[in-house]
Amino acid sequence: MSEEKEYNPELLNLVDDEGNEHEFEILDVLDLDDKQYFALIPVFDKPEEVLEDDAELVILKAVEDGEESYLEVIEDDDEFNKVAAIFTDRLSETFEIEE
């Protein structure tokens, strides 16, 4: 008798600068140089949206401002490239990733 693993993705809702809410699945979290980074992919409501989308990997950095914490885009190219390379290496074992 084989046991099936139940897949329960860890989901995260983010609000953009225009107030629109977007849902993402957390694929991986990385702690590096006292900072935390998240590798995310968008979640779609309809199966046809998945087929139409490239499912680009979204990489964001966790930032704390007082008691508030939020995720933001990595502005520094060197920092982004370093983190993206680590995520790509880690996730390439599970997912087909195009650079």
C-alpha atoms as a PDB file:
ATOM      1  CA  MET A   1       0.000   0.000   0.000  1.00  0.00           C
ATOM      2  CA  SER A   2       1.538   3.312  -1.027  1.00  0.00           C
ATOM      3  CA  GLU A   3       1.045   6.449   0.946  1.00  0.00           C
ATOM      4  CA  GLU A   4       0.231   9.569  -1.028  1.00  0.00           C
ATOM      5  CA  LYS A   5       1.725  12.780   0.211  1.00  0.00           C
ATOM      6  CA  GLU A   6      -0.776  15.568   0.489  1.00  0.00           C
ATOM      7  CA  TYR A   7       0.453  18.738  -1.180  1.00  0.00           C
ATOM      8  CA  ASN A   8      -0.292  21.827   0.861  1.00  0.00           C
ATOM      9  CA  PRO A   9       1.538  24.793  -0.612  1.00  0.00           C
ATOM     10  CA  GLU A  10       2.467  27.667   1.627  1.00  0.00           C
ATOM     11  CA  LEU A  11       0.642  30.684   0.203  1.00  0.00           C
ATOM     12  CA  LEU A  12       1.286  34.368   0.689  1.00  0.00           C
ATOM     13  CA  ASN A  13      -0.960  37.311  -0.244  1.00  0.00           C
ATOM     14  CA  LEU A  14       0.858  40.486  -1.223  1.00  0.00           C
ATOM     15  CA  VAL A  15      -0.594  43.915  -1.960  1.00  0.00           C
ATOM     16  CA  ASP A  16       1.140  45.972  -4.664  1.00  0.00           C
ATOM     17  CA  ASP A  17       1.623  49.751  -4.680  1.00  0.00           C
ATOM     18  CA  GLU A  18      -1.759  50.224  -6.366  1.00  0.00           C
ATOM     19  CA  GLY A  19      -3.632  48.234  -3.713  1.00  0.00           C
ATOM     20  CA  ASN A  20      -4.113  45.096  -5.833  1.00  0.00           C
ATOM     21  CA  GLU A  21      -3.822  41.806  -3.984  1.00  0.00           C
ATOM     22  CA  HIS A  22      -1.798  38.973  -5.535  1.00  0.00           C
ATOM     23  CA  GLU A  23      -1.423  35.411  -4.269  1.00  0.00           C
ATOM     24  CA  PHE A  24       1.926  33.619  -4.441  1.00  0.00           C
ATOM     25  CA  GLU A  25       3.231  30.209  -3.496  1.00  0.00           C
ATOM     26  CA  ILE A  26       6.419  30.217  -1.440  1.00  0.00           C
ATOM     27  CA  LEU A  27       8.866  27.844  -3.103  1.00  0.00           C
ATOM     28  CA  ASP A  28      11.891  28.529  -0.937  1.00  0.00           C
ATOM     29  CA  VAL A  29      13.197  30.839   1.776  1.00  0.00           C
ATOM     30  CA  LEU A  30      16.851  31.774   2.096  1.00  0.00           C
ATOM     31  CA  ASP A  31      18.671  33.347   5.034  1.00  0.00           C
ATOM     32  CA  LEU A  32      21.840  35.028   3.796  1.00  0.00           C
ATOM     33  CA  ASP A  33      24.009  37.766   5.322  1.00  0.00           C
ATOM     34  CA  ASP A  34      21.468  38.461   8.095  1.00  0.00           C
ATOM     35  CA  LYS A  35      18.702  38.973   5.510  1.00  0.00           C
ATOM     36  CA  GLN A  36      15.805  36.773   4.461  1.00  0.00           C
ATOM     37  CA  TYR A  37      14.781  36.218   0.840  1.00  0.00           C
ATOM     38  CA  PHE A  38      11.722  34.535  -0.659  1.00  0.00           C
ATOM     39  CA  ALA A  39      11.375  32.677  -3.959  1.00  0.00           C
ATOM     40  CA  LEU A  40       7.739  32.863  -5.078  1.00  0.00           C
ATOM     41  CA  ILE A  41       5.563  31.962  -8.041  1.00  0.00           C
ATOM     42  CA  PRO A  42       2.118  33.417  -8.758  1.00  0.00           C
ATOM     43  CA  VAL A  43      -0.969  31.348  -7.969  1.00  0.00           C
ATOM     44  CA  PHE A  44      -3.746  31.294 -10.549  1.00  0.00           C
ATOM     45  CA  ASP A  45      -7.474  30.799 -10.093  1.00  0.00           C
ATOM     46  CA  LYS A  46      -8.089  29.125 -13.439  1.00  0.00           C
ATOM     47  CA  PRO A  47      -6.106  26.230 -14.964  1.00  0.00           C
ATOM     48  CA  GLU A  48      -5.876  27.997 -18.346  1.00  0.00           C
ATOM     49  CA  GLU A  49      -4.058  30.911 -16.685  1.00  0.00           C
ATOM     50  CA  VAL A  50      -1.284  28.513 -15.635  1.00  0.00           C
ATOM     51  CA  LEU A  51      -0.826  27.386 -19.231  1.00  0.00           C
ATOM     52  CA  GLU A  52      -0.702  30.969 -20.498  1.00  0.00           C
ATOM     53  CA  ASP A  53       1.823  32.197 -17.928  1.00  0.00           C
ATOM     54  CA  ASP A  54       5.575  31.682 -17.897  1.00  0.00           C
ATOM     55  CA  ALA A  55       5.412  31.256 -14.090  1.00  0.00           C
ATOM     56  CA  GLU A  56       8.391  33.480 -13.566  1.00  0.00           C
ATOM     57  CA  LEU A  57      10.179  33.134 -10.295  1.00  0.00           C
ATOM     58  CA  VAL A  58       9.690  36.213  -8.122  1.00  0.00           C
ATOM     59  CA  ILE A  59      12.475  36.932  -5.650  1.00  0.00           C
ATOM     60  CA  LEU A  60      11.808  39.403  -2.853  1.00  0.00           C
ATOM     61  CA  LYS A  61      13.665  40.520   0.257  1.00  0.00           C
ATOM     62  CA  ALA A  62      12.109  40.725   3.719  1.00  0.00           C
ATOM     63  CA  VAL A  63      12.473  44.157   5.309  1.00  0.00           C
ATOM     64  CA  GLU A  64      11.552  45.254   8.806  1.00  0.00           C
ATOM     65  CA  ASP A  65      10.549  48.809   9.579  1.00  0.00           C
ATOM     66  CA  GLY A  66       9.941  49.132  13.287  1.00  0.00           C
ATOM     67  CA  GLU A  67       7.244  46.605  14.123  1.00  0.00           C
ATOM     68  CA  GLU A  68       6.165  46.271  10.492  1.00  0.00           C
ATOM     69  CA  SER A  69       7.653  43.754   8.102  1.00  0.00           C
ATOM     70  CA  TYR A  70       7.115  43.529   4.378  1.00  0.00           C
ATOM     71  CA  LEU A  71       8.660  42.159   1.191  1.00  0.00           C
ATOM     72  CA  GLU A  72      10.324  44.384  -1.364  1.00  0.00           C
ATOM     73  CA  VAL A  73      12.079  44.148  -4.709  1.00  0.00           C
ATOM     74  CA  ILE A  74      15.860  43.751  -4.553  1.00  0.00           C
ATOM     75  CA  GLU A  75      17.205  46.945  -6.117  1.00  0.00           C
ATOM     76  CA  ASP A  76      20.915  46.089  -6.023  1.00  0.00           C
ATOM     77  CA  ASP A  77      21.863  44.064  -9.121  1.00  0.00           C
ATOM     78  CA  ASP A  78      24.780  42.281  -7.437  1.00  0.00           C
ATOM     79  CA  GLU A  79      22.642  41.286  -4.452  1.00  0.00           C
ATOM     80  CA  PHE A  80      19.830  40.106  -6.742  1.00  0.00           C
ATOM     81  CA  ASN A  81      22.167  38.080  -8.965  1.00  0.00           C
ATOM     82  CA  LYS A  82      23.780  36.410  -5.945  1.00  0.00           C
ATOM     83  CA  VAL A  83      20.433  35.455  -4.395  1.00  0.00           C
ATOM     84  CA  ALA A  84      18.915  34.404  -7.754  1.00  0.00           C
ATOM     85  CA  ALA A  85      21.870  32.097  -8.443  1.00  0.00           C
ATOM     86  CA  ILE A  86      21.424  30.383  -5.076  1.00  0.00           C
ATOM     87  CA  PHE A  87      17.664  29.955  -5.551  1.00  0.00           C
ATOM     88  CA  THR A  88      18.149  28.702  -9.117  1.00  0.00           C
ATOM     89  CA  ASP A  89      20.658  26.122  -7.940  1.00  0.00           C
ATOM     90  CA  ARG A  90      18.467  24.989  -5.041  1.00  0.00           C
ATOM     91  CA  LEU A  91      15.228  24.867  -7.042  1.00  0.00           C
ATOM     92  CA  SER A  92      16.636  23.351 -10.233  1.00  0.00           C
ATOM     93  CA  GLU A  93      16.592  19.922  -8.592  1.00  0.00           C
ATOM     94  CA  THR A  94      12.797  20.121  -8.259  1.00  0.00           C
ATOM     95  CA  PHE A  95      11.692  22.479 -11.053  1.00  0.00           C
ATOM     96  CA  GLU A  96      12.635  23.123 -14.647  1.00  0.00           C
ATOM     97  CA  ILE A  97      14.126  26.621 -14.479  1.00  0.00           C
ATOM     98  CA  GLU A  98      15.126  28.704 -17.467  1.00  0.00           C
ATOM     99  CA  GLU A  99      17.615  31.478 -16.791  1.00  0.00           C
END
